Amino acid sequence: MSLKEEMPELKAEVESFDWWHTIDLGDGIVTPGRDNSPRKLERLRLPDDLTGKSVLDIGAWDGFFSFEAERRGASRVLAVDSYAWNGSTWGSKRGFELAREALGSNVEDSEMEVLDLSPSTIGTFDVVLFLGVLYHMRYPLLTLKKISDITRELLILETVVDLLSIRRPAMAIYPEGVLYGDISNWNGINPAGLEAMLKEVGFSRVEVVQKPDALPKRLARALYYRLKPGAPRGPIMHISRITIHAYK
């Protein structure tokens, strides 16, 4: 008997632990993720038709974007993670495995560190998803070179950006949990810096598909955090997020 045939058991299992992604498992069961994954998907501009494409999802966590790539026709999808799957934080691999089984998915998985990715260890892929990971990396240029080496056509990059008032390529560093009190947050590269780095490592064209928030919205967010008791501190007014499509 499949998990979908055991609806009460599936529902209880879904509710038994924390999720990051919000995944519709069908039959009215939706994982209670902290992340509004469907809303984020709209901003990523993931191609509607991935028929015949191979897709690599780096930092897959619960697998929402891996499963979505499969749903859009990808011939092969590989989900890769380490930090969120190894149990060292509140995250784990349980969500990914449960969702894969409930969806009847053929998404593959590999537990691997980002800097260990290479054509020899993992192969190359038509489309690479690198969502919410770059700002956790201590060596961002090296990281992007690794990603470029395994990307055949398109990289979809989503990350934190900082120093938005500076037009020249620039990068902020967040030691000791400066950003949101999270010691895993390490860098905030501005848009000009991201474009320069992506071209340096081999991408021929860089397109911003989700621009950083405008100044009024960033000011409002900074005020909200300043007035909220117990809210994390940091350079909130100067940061936002960006989504980039980089082409080979």
Foldseek 3Di string as FASTA:
>chain_A
DAVVVVPVVLLVVLPPAAAQDFDDLDPPDTRPHPDPVVVVVVLLCDPQAQAAWEEEEEQCQLNRVQVNSVVNHHPAYEYEEAVQDPPPDSHHNVNNVSSCRSNVHPHHYDYDDLLPAACVPPRATAEYEAEAQQQLDPDNLSSLLSNVRRYDWKYKYKYKAFPAVDPAWDKDFDDCCQDFNDRSGTMHTHPNNVVVSNVVSPFDDKDWRFDWDDQVVQVVVQVVQVPDPPTGHHPSSGMGMTIMMTTD
